[in-house]
Protein backbone atom coordinates (compact mmCIF):
# COMPACT_ATOMS: atom_id res chain seq x y z
CA MET A 1 -82.78 77.52 147.52
CA LEU A 2 -81.63 78.56 143.92
CA ARG A 3 -78.14 80.37 143.73
CA LEU A 4 -77.71 82.85 140.93
CA LEU A 5 -74.36 84.75 139.59
CA VAL A 6 -74.80 88.19 138.37
CA VAL A 7 -72.09 89.26 135.92
CA ASP A 8 -72.24 92.95 135.31
CA ASP A 9 -69.54 95.71 135.57
CA ASP A 10 -71.93 98.45 136.63
CA GLU A 11 -71.55 98.15 140.35
CA VAL A 12 -74.99 99.78 141.42
CA PHE A 13 -76.83 97.64 139.05
CA ARG A 14 -75.03 94.39 139.87
CA GLN A 15 -75.72 95.01 143.65
CA THR A 16 -79.49 96.22 142.93
CA LEU A 17 -79.89 92.89 141.18
CA VAL A 18 -78.37 90.81 143.90
CA ARG A 19 -80.65 92.51 146.58
CA ALA A 20 -83.68 92.06 144.31
CA PHE A 21 -82.93 88.46 143.92
CA THR A 22 -82.12 87.94 147.73
CA ARG A 23 -85.45 89.71 148.59
CA ARG A 24 -87.08 86.98 146.51
CA GLY A 25 -85.68 84.21 148.90
CA LEU A 26 -82.69 83.30 146.41
CA GLN A 27 -79.07 83.37 146.94
CA ALA A 28 -77.25 85.66 144.46
CA GLU A 29 -73.59 86.66 144.26
CA GLY A 30 -72.18 89.43 141.83
CA ALA A 31 -69.13 89.58 140.01
CA ALA A 32 -67.55 92.75 138.13
CA ASP A 33 -65.87 90.94 135.31
CA GLY A 34 -65.27 87.61 133.56
CA ASP A 35 -62.10 86.45 135.96
CA ALA A 36 -64.43 87.12 138.94
CA ALA A 37 -67.19 85.23 137.47
CA LEU A 38 -65.14 82.23 136.46
CA GLN A 39 -63.55 82.22 140.03
CA LEU A 40 -67.03 82.25 141.56
CA LEU A 41 -68.37 79.58 139.16
CA ARG A 42 -65.00 77.33 140.17
CA GLN A 43 -65.86 77.72 143.75
CA HIS A 44 -69.56 77.32 144.07
CA ARG A 45 -72.53 75.65 141.82
CA PHE A 46 -75.05 78.27 140.58
CA ASP A 47 -78.50 77.54 139.32
CA GLY A 48 -78.49 80.36 136.87
CA CYS A 49 -76.59 83.38 135.44
CA VAL A 50 -77.39 86.84 134.48
CA LEU A 51 -74.58 88.20 132.03
CA ASP A 52 -74.30 91.61 130.83
CA LEU A 53 -73.43 92.02 127.15
CA LYS A 54 -70.94 94.82 127.41
CA LEU A 55 -68.49 94.22 130.28
CA ALA A 56 -65.70 96.69 130.87
CA GLY A 57 -63.10 96.48 127.86
CA ALA A 58 -64.67 93.08 126.82
CA SER A 59 -67.89 91.47 125.38
CA GLY A 60 -69.98 89.32 127.65
CA LEU A 61 -70.37 86.97 124.72
CA HIS A 62 -66.79 85.93 125.00
CA LEU A 63 -67.25 84.79 128.58
CA LEU A 64 -70.15 82.49 127.61
CA PRO A 65 -68.03 79.54 126.43
CA PRO A 66 -65.86 79.40 129.42
CA LEU A 67 -68.86 79.88 131.72
CA LEU A 68 -70.81 76.83 130.09
CA ALA A 69 -67.43 74.78 129.92
CA LEU A 70 -67.28 75.10 133.74
CA SER A 71 -70.80 74.53 134.29
CA PRO A 72 -72.43 72.58 131.41
CA GLY A 73 -76.24 73.38 131.28
CA LEU A 74 -75.93 76.66 133.10
CA PRO A 75 -79.16 78.69 132.29
CA VAL A 76 -77.45 82.09 131.15
CA VAL A 77 -79.78 85.12 130.50
CA VAL A 78 -77.87 87.93 128.38
CA LEU A 79 -78.82 91.39 129.40
CA THR A 80 -78.04 94.54 127.14
CA GLY A 81 -78.80 98.01 126.86
CA TYR A 82 -77.83 98.13 123.26
CA ALA A 83 -79.91 95.27 122.02
CA SER A 84 -80.09 94.00 118.49
CA ILE A 85 -81.12 90.98 116.57
CA ALA A 86 -77.48 90.00 115.61
CA THR A 87 -76.32 89.83 119.24
CA ALA A 88 -79.52 88.11 120.33
CA VAL A 89 -78.88 85.34 117.71
CA GLU A 90 -75.09 85.16 118.51
CA ALA A 91 -75.87 84.81 122.36
CA VAL A 92 -78.41 82.11 121.64
CA LYS A 93 -75.97 80.24 119.17
CA LEU A 94 -73.16 80.39 122.12
CA GLY A 95 -75.39 78.83 124.64
CA ALA A 96 -77.43 81.81 126.30
CA LEU A 97 -80.97 80.72 127.33
CA ASN A 98 -82.52 83.96 126.61
CA TYR A 99 -81.76 87.50 125.95
CA LEU A 100 -83.23 90.76 127.37
CA ALA A 101 -83.09 94.41 126.98
CA LYS A 102 -82.35 96.65 129.66
CA PRO A 103 -84.18 97.82 131.70
CA ALA A 104 -85.30 94.51 132.85
CA ASP A 105 -86.60 93.77 136.33
CA ALA A 106 -85.73 90.92 138.60
CA ASP A 107 -88.94 89.17 137.83
CA GLU A 108 -88.54 89.32 133.95
CA ILE A 109 -85.02 87.90 134.49
CA LEU A 110 -86.37 84.93 136.69
CA ALA A 111 -88.97 84.50 134.29
CA ALA A 112 -86.55 84.19 131.60
CA LEU A 113 -84.16 82.02 133.65
CA ARG A 114 -87.31 79.58 133.96
CA GLY A 115 -87.48 79.33 130.14
CA ALA A 116 -90.50 81.56 129.89
CA THR A 117 -90.99 83.76 126.89
CA VAL A 118 -90.63 87.16 128.18
CA MET A 119 -91.82 89.85 125.62
CA ALA A 120 -90.08 92.92 126.63
CA GLU A 121 -90.96 95.86 124.61
CA GLN A 122 -87.80 95.86 122.77
CA THR A 123 -88.02 92.33 121.78
CA VAL A 124 -91.61 91.98 120.46
CA LEU A 125 -91.75 91.55 116.77
CA GLU A 126 -94.56 93.97 115.69
CA ALA A 127 -96.56 93.60 112.53
CA ALA A 128 -95.44 97.07 111.55
CA PRO A 129 -92.13 97.17 109.56
CA MET A 130 -89.06 98.59 111.25
CA SER A 131 -88.03 102.28 110.78
CA VAL A 132 -85.17 102.95 108.39
CA ASP A 133 -83.15 103.93 111.41
CA ARG A 134 -83.65 100.72 113.12
CA LEU A 135 -82.95 98.88 110.00
CA GLU A 136 -79.52 100.80 109.80
CA TRP A 137 -78.98 99.87 113.35
CA GLU A 138 -79.64 96.32 113.00
CA HIS A 139 -77.52 96.07 109.62
CA ILE A 140 -74.48 97.71 111.50
CA GLN A 141 -74.77 95.30 114.34
CA LYS A 142 -75.02 92.31 111.95
CA VAL A 143 -71.84 93.57 109.90
CA LEU A 144 -70.04 94.31 113.25
CA ALA A 145 -70.67 90.79 114.53
CA GLU A 146 -69.60 89.16 111.15
CA ASN A 147 -66.24 91.21 111.74
CA GLU A 148 -66.06 90.04 115.03
CA GLY A 149 -66.18 93.63 116.60
CA ASN A 150 -63.63 94.99 114.30
CA ILE A 151 -64.80 98.88 113.74
CA SER A 152 -62.31 99.62 111.02
CA GLU A 153 -63.28 96.59 108.78
CA THR A 154 -66.92 97.29 109.32
CA ALA A 155 -66.76 100.97 108.53
CA ARG A 156 -64.73 99.70 105.36
CA LEU A 157 -67.45 97.28 104.44
CA LEU A 158 -70.28 99.79 105.08
CA GLY A 159 -68.65 102.44 103.06
CA MET A 160 -68.49 104.85 105.98
CA HIS A 161 -65.69 106.60 107.98
CA ARG A 162 -64.69 104.74 111.19
CA ARG A 163 -65.34 107.70 113.25
CA THR A 164 -68.87 108.33 112.05
CA LEU A 165 -69.45 104.43 112.79
CA GLN A 166 -68.27 104.93 116.27
CA ARG A 167 -70.56 107.77 116.96
CA LYS A 168 -73.44 105.57 115.74
CA LEU A 169 -72.43 102.88 117.96
CA GLN A 170 -72.18 104.98 120.85
CA LYS A 171 -76.07 105.89 120.61
CA ARG A 172 -78.50 103.84 122.01
CA PRO A 173 -80.62 101.92 119.46
CA VAL A 174 -83.73 103.32 118.03
CA ARG A 175 -87.02 101.88 118.66
CA ARG A 176 -88.78 99.92 115.83
């Protein structure tokens, strides 16, 4: 029986996902933060991990290297409500198997863990060019990633006020 680790600070989403995996005949355990996830990984062997990109007070990307150090080859799918090309590339560079935009259901996540190509609406590269708003969002995410999440430095490089950048980052990404 496959055993999955679900790391998400949203308790309702985490429990819902654990129940959905259990109903599909899998064993699943949840962790609210990085420390709890690492503790569970030290105690048990997992066959896959679902990791939220935005954990309370931290980025889930910072948790990827310690997870993979404890369990080399662990398939990790990163979930996010704020998908961007920059964070997707960074997640894969750090060792994630796949990257899905929320809302992703249990079947999509399982397909991603199996290495299948999941074409979620937000991740499909369409023939039509991106909108100007989407291009701005992607550029902001790229510059933010290059500055390791430093909002002040990113705002300075983008030529905008720090508060303006913070407001833009709080919004959901625009669709293509």
